[in-house]
């Protein structure tokens, strides 16, 4: 018997429209407005492990394991695992370091190249 954990090198959240329609909790979605220097909460199903000491990309989850180009460079501030109704969840906070302008390359894979 083992522990099922998912290593995430990006934070992938859904479009804010899903929170507006009630399909998801607001913390499961990208905020409508991302501001550099501000912190935001997130919620993901499953036991997720994130890089805590470096910047990682924030992307939009498009479904079927597809994601957008990076929308922002973020740094994790806190990550907590908890059990609700027999399922493991991960919640926490991240800070936006810099939002991505269209066509601007900040990440090469998952490595921040302008840090």
C-alpha atoms as a PDB file:
ATOM      1  CA  UNK A   1       0.000   0.000   0.000  1.00  0.00           C
ATOM      2  CA  UNK A   2       1.401   3.404  -0.938  1.00  0.00           C
ATOM      3  CA  UNK A   3       0.633   7.079  -0.883  1.00  0.00           C
ATOM      4  CA  UNK A   4      -0.827   8.580  -4.044  1.00  0.00           C
ATOM      5  CA  UNK A   5       0.652  12.036  -4.612  1.00  0.00           C
ATOM      6  CA  UNK A   6       0.850  14.222  -7.690  1.00  0.00           C
ATOM      7  CA  UNK A   7       3.928  16.371  -8.296  1.00  0.00           C
ATOM      8  CA  UNK A   8       2.852  19.621  -9.944  1.00  0.00           C
ATOM      9  CA  UNK A   9       5.395  21.850 -11.664  1.00  0.00           C
ATOM     10  CA  UNK A  10       2.641  24.315 -12.612  1.00  0.00           C
ATOM     11  CA  UNK A  11      -0.554  25.435 -10.907  1.00  0.00           C
ATOM     12  CA  UNK A  12      -3.422  24.647 -13.279  1.00  0.00           C
ATOM     13  CA  UNK A  13      -6.773  26.182 -12.372  1.00  0.00           C
ATOM     14  CA  UNK A  14     -10.042  26.441 -14.276  1.00  0.00           C
ATOM     15  CA  UNK A  15     -11.510  29.527 -15.927  1.00  0.00           C
ATOM     16  CA  UNK A  16     -13.357  31.894 -13.569  1.00  0.00           C
ATOM     17  CA  UNK A  17     -16.537  31.319 -15.603  1.00  0.00           C
ATOM     18  CA  UNK A  18     -16.866  27.908 -13.900  1.00  0.00           C
ATOM     19  CA  UNK A  19     -17.074  29.637 -10.498  1.00  0.00           C
ATOM     20  CA  UNK A  20     -19.650  32.128 -11.779  1.00  0.00           C
ATOM     21  CA  UNK A  21     -21.874  29.286 -13.040  1.00  0.00           C
ATOM     22  CA  UNK A  22     -21.459  27.308  -9.804  1.00  0.00           C
ATOM     23  CA  UNK A  23     -19.676  24.395 -11.491  1.00  0.00           C
ATOM     24  CA  UNK A  24     -16.600  24.866  -9.232  1.00  0.00           C
ATOM     25  CA  UNK A  25     -15.538  26.640  -6.069  1.00  0.00           C
ATOM     26  CA  UNK A  26     -13.964  30.051  -6.686  1.00  0.00           C
ATOM     27  CA  UNK A  27     -10.612  28.841  -5.283  1.00  0.00           C
ATOM     28  CA  UNK A  28     -10.532  26.144  -7.984  1.00  0.00           C
ATOM     29  CA  UNK A  29     -10.511  28.887 -10.626  1.00  0.00           C
ATOM     30  CA  UNK A  30      -8.171  31.604 -11.846  1.00  0.00           C
ATOM     31  CA  UNK A  31      -9.153  34.983 -10.409  1.00  0.00           C
ATOM     32  CA  UNK A  32     -10.790  37.291 -12.935  1.00  0.00           C
ATOM     33  CA  UNK A  33      -8.019  39.831 -12.399  1.00  0.00           C
ATOM     34  CA  UNK A  34      -4.432  38.830 -11.550  1.00  0.00           C
ATOM     35  CA  UNK A  35      -2.318  41.545  -9.936  1.00  0.00           C
ATOM     36  CA  UNK A  36       1.452  41.308  -9.444  1.00  0.00           C
ATOM     37  CA  UNK A  37       2.334  41.281  -5.739  1.00  0.00           C
ATOM     38  CA  UNK A  38      -1.114  40.058  -4.651  1.00  0.00           C
ATOM     39  CA  UNK A  39      -1.793  36.659  -3.111  1.00  0.00           C
ATOM     40  CA  UNK A  40      -4.681  34.358  -3.963  1.00  0.00           C
ATOM     41  CA  UNK A  41      -6.102  31.110  -2.591  1.00  0.00           C
ATOM     42  CA  UNK A  42      -6.318  27.864  -4.551  1.00  0.00           C
ATOM     43  CA  UNK A  43      -8.007  24.476  -4.136  1.00  0.00           C
ATOM     44  CA  UNK A  44      -7.144  21.247  -5.977  1.00  0.00           C
ATOM     45  CA  UNK A  45      -8.549  17.741  -5.600  1.00  0.00           C
ATOM     46  CA  UNK A  46      -5.893  15.179  -4.668  1.00  0.00           C
ATOM     47  CA  UNK A  47      -2.667  15.286  -2.723  1.00  0.00           C
ATOM     48  CA  UNK A  48      -0.591  17.787  -4.722  1.00  0.00           C
ATOM     49  CA  UNK A  49       3.068  18.588  -4.167  1.00  0.00           C
ATOM     50  CA  UNK A  50       4.404  21.923  -5.425  1.00  0.00           C
ATOM     51  CA  UNK A  51       7.843  23.495  -5.698  1.00  0.00           C
ATOM     52  CA  UNK A  52       7.886  26.009  -2.848  1.00  0.00           C
ATOM     53  CA  UNK A  53      11.202  27.820  -3.324  1.00  0.00           C
ATOM     54  CA  UNK A  54      11.047  28.911  -6.978  1.00  0.00           C
ATOM     55  CA  UNK A  55       8.614  30.569  -9.354  1.00  0.00           C
ATOM     56  CA  UNK A  56       6.246  28.298 -11.253  1.00  0.00           C
ATOM     57  CA  UNK A  57       3.744  29.017 -14.040  1.00  0.00           C
ATOM     58  CA  UNK A  58       0.046  29.607 -13.426  1.00  0.00           C
ATOM     59  CA  UNK A  59      -1.916  28.116 -16.327  1.00  0.00           C
ATOM     60  CA  UNK A  60      -5.557  27.585 -17.184  1.00  0.00           C
ATOM     61  CA  UNK A  61      -6.728  23.981 -17.187  1.00  0.00           C
ATOM     62  CA  UNK A  62      -8.680  23.447 -20.405  1.00  0.00           C
ATOM     63  CA  UNK A  63      -9.760  19.893 -19.600  1.00  0.00           C
ATOM     64  CA  UNK A  64      -8.604  16.553 -21.003  1.00  0.00           C
ATOM     65  CA  UNK A  65      -5.089  17.210 -19.600  1.00  0.00           C
ATOM     66  CA  UNK A  66      -4.673  20.311 -21.775  1.00  0.00           C
ATOM     67  CA  UNK A  67      -3.462  23.644 -20.394  1.00  0.00           C
ATOM     68  CA  UNK A  68      -2.957  27.189 -21.667  1.00  0.00           C
ATOM     69  CA  UNK A  69       0.328  29.007 -22.040  1.00  0.00           C
ATOM     70  CA  UNK A  70       1.518  30.513 -18.729  1.00  0.00           C
ATOM     71  CA  UNK A  71      -0.712  33.363 -17.560  1.00  0.00           C
ATOM     72  CA  UNK A  72       1.567  34.420 -14.722  1.00  0.00           C
ATOM     73  CA  UNK A  73       4.665  33.552 -12.768  1.00  0.00           C
ATOM     74  CA  UNK A  74       3.741  32.653  -9.186  1.00  0.00           C
ATOM     75  CA  UNK A  75       5.388  31.559  -5.959  1.00  0.00           C
ATOM     76  CA  UNK A  76       3.639  29.227  -3.519  1.00  0.00           C
ATOM     77  CA  UNK A  77       3.212  30.725  -0.046  1.00  0.00           C
ATOM     78  CA  UNK A  78       1.507  27.831   1.716  1.00  0.00           C
ATOM     79  CA  UNK A  79       0.122  24.408   0.860  1.00  0.00           C
ATOM     80  CA  UNK A  80      -2.047  22.207   3.102  1.00  0.00           C
ATOM     81  CA  UNK A  81      -3.573  18.769   2.585  1.00  0.00           C
ATOM     82  CA  UNK A  82      -6.887  17.783   4.160  1.00  0.00           C
ATOM     83  CA  UNK A  83      -9.550  15.077   3.912  1.00  0.00           C
ATOM     84  CA  UNK A  84     -13.193  15.887   3.219  1.00  0.00           C
ATOM     85  CA  UNK A  85     -15.840  13.205   2.734  1.00  0.00           C
ATOM     86  CA  UNK A  86     -13.116  10.572   2.324  1.00  0.00           C
ATOM     87  CA  UNK A  87     -11.242  12.471  -0.419  1.00  0.00           C
ATOM     88  CA  UNK A  88      -7.864  14.189  -0.146  1.00  0.00           C
ATOM     89  CA  UNK A  89      -7.672  17.843  -1.209  1.00  0.00           C
ATOM     90  CA  UNK A  90      -4.879  20.415  -1.415  1.00  0.00           C
ATOM     91  CA  UNK A  91      -5.430  24.084  -0.649  1.00  0.00           C
ATOM     92  CA  UNK A  92      -3.114  27.007  -0.193  1.00  0.00           C
ATOM     93  CA  UNK A  93      -2.034  30.458  -1.255  1.00  0.00           C
ATOM     94  CA  UNK A  94       0.209  31.749  -4.022  1.00  0.00           C
ATOM     95  CA  UNK A  95       1.601  35.181  -4.874  1.00  0.00           C
ATOM     96  CA  UNK A  96       1.636  36.548  -8.408  1.00  0.00           C
ATOM     97  CA  UNK A  97       5.191  37.616  -9.254  1.00  0.00           C
ATOM     98  CA  UNK A  98       4.495  38.806 -12.787  1.00  0.00           C
ATOM     99  CA  UNK A  99       1.651  38.385 -15.254  1.00  0.00           C
ATOM    100  CA  UNK A 100       2.499  37.216 -18.764  1.00  0.00           C
ATOM    101  CA  UNK A 101       2.016  39.599 -21.656  1.00  0.00           C
ATOM    102  CA  UNK A 102       0.870  38.024 -24.899  1.00  0.00           C
ATOM    103  CA  UNK A 103       3.831  36.482 -26.699  1.00  0.00           C
ATOM    104  CA  UNK A 104       6.233  37.127 -23.819  1.00  0.00           C
ATOM    105  CA  UNK A 105       8.310  34.061 -22.894  1.00  0.00           C
ATOM    106  CA  UNK A 106       9.130  33.765 -19.202  1.00  0.00           C
ATOM    107  CA  UNK A 107       9.407  29.985 -18.841  1.00  0.00           C
ATOM    108  CA  UNK A 108      11.438  27.465 -20.810  1.00  0.00           C
ATOM    109  CA  UNK A 109       9.578  24.299 -19.889  1.00  0.00           C
ATOM    110  CA  UNK A 110       9.090  24.825 -16.156  1.00  0.00           C
ATOM    111  CA  UNK A 111      12.306  26.790 -15.564  1.00  0.00           C
ATOM    112  CA  UNK A 112      11.919  30.545 -15.109  1.00  0.00           C
ATOM    113  CA  UNK A 113      14.378  32.174 -17.536  1.00  0.00           C
ATOM    114  CA  UNK A 114      13.965  35.794 -16.417  1.00  0.00           C
ATOM    115  CA  UNK A 115      14.243  35.305 -12.657  1.00  0.00           C
END
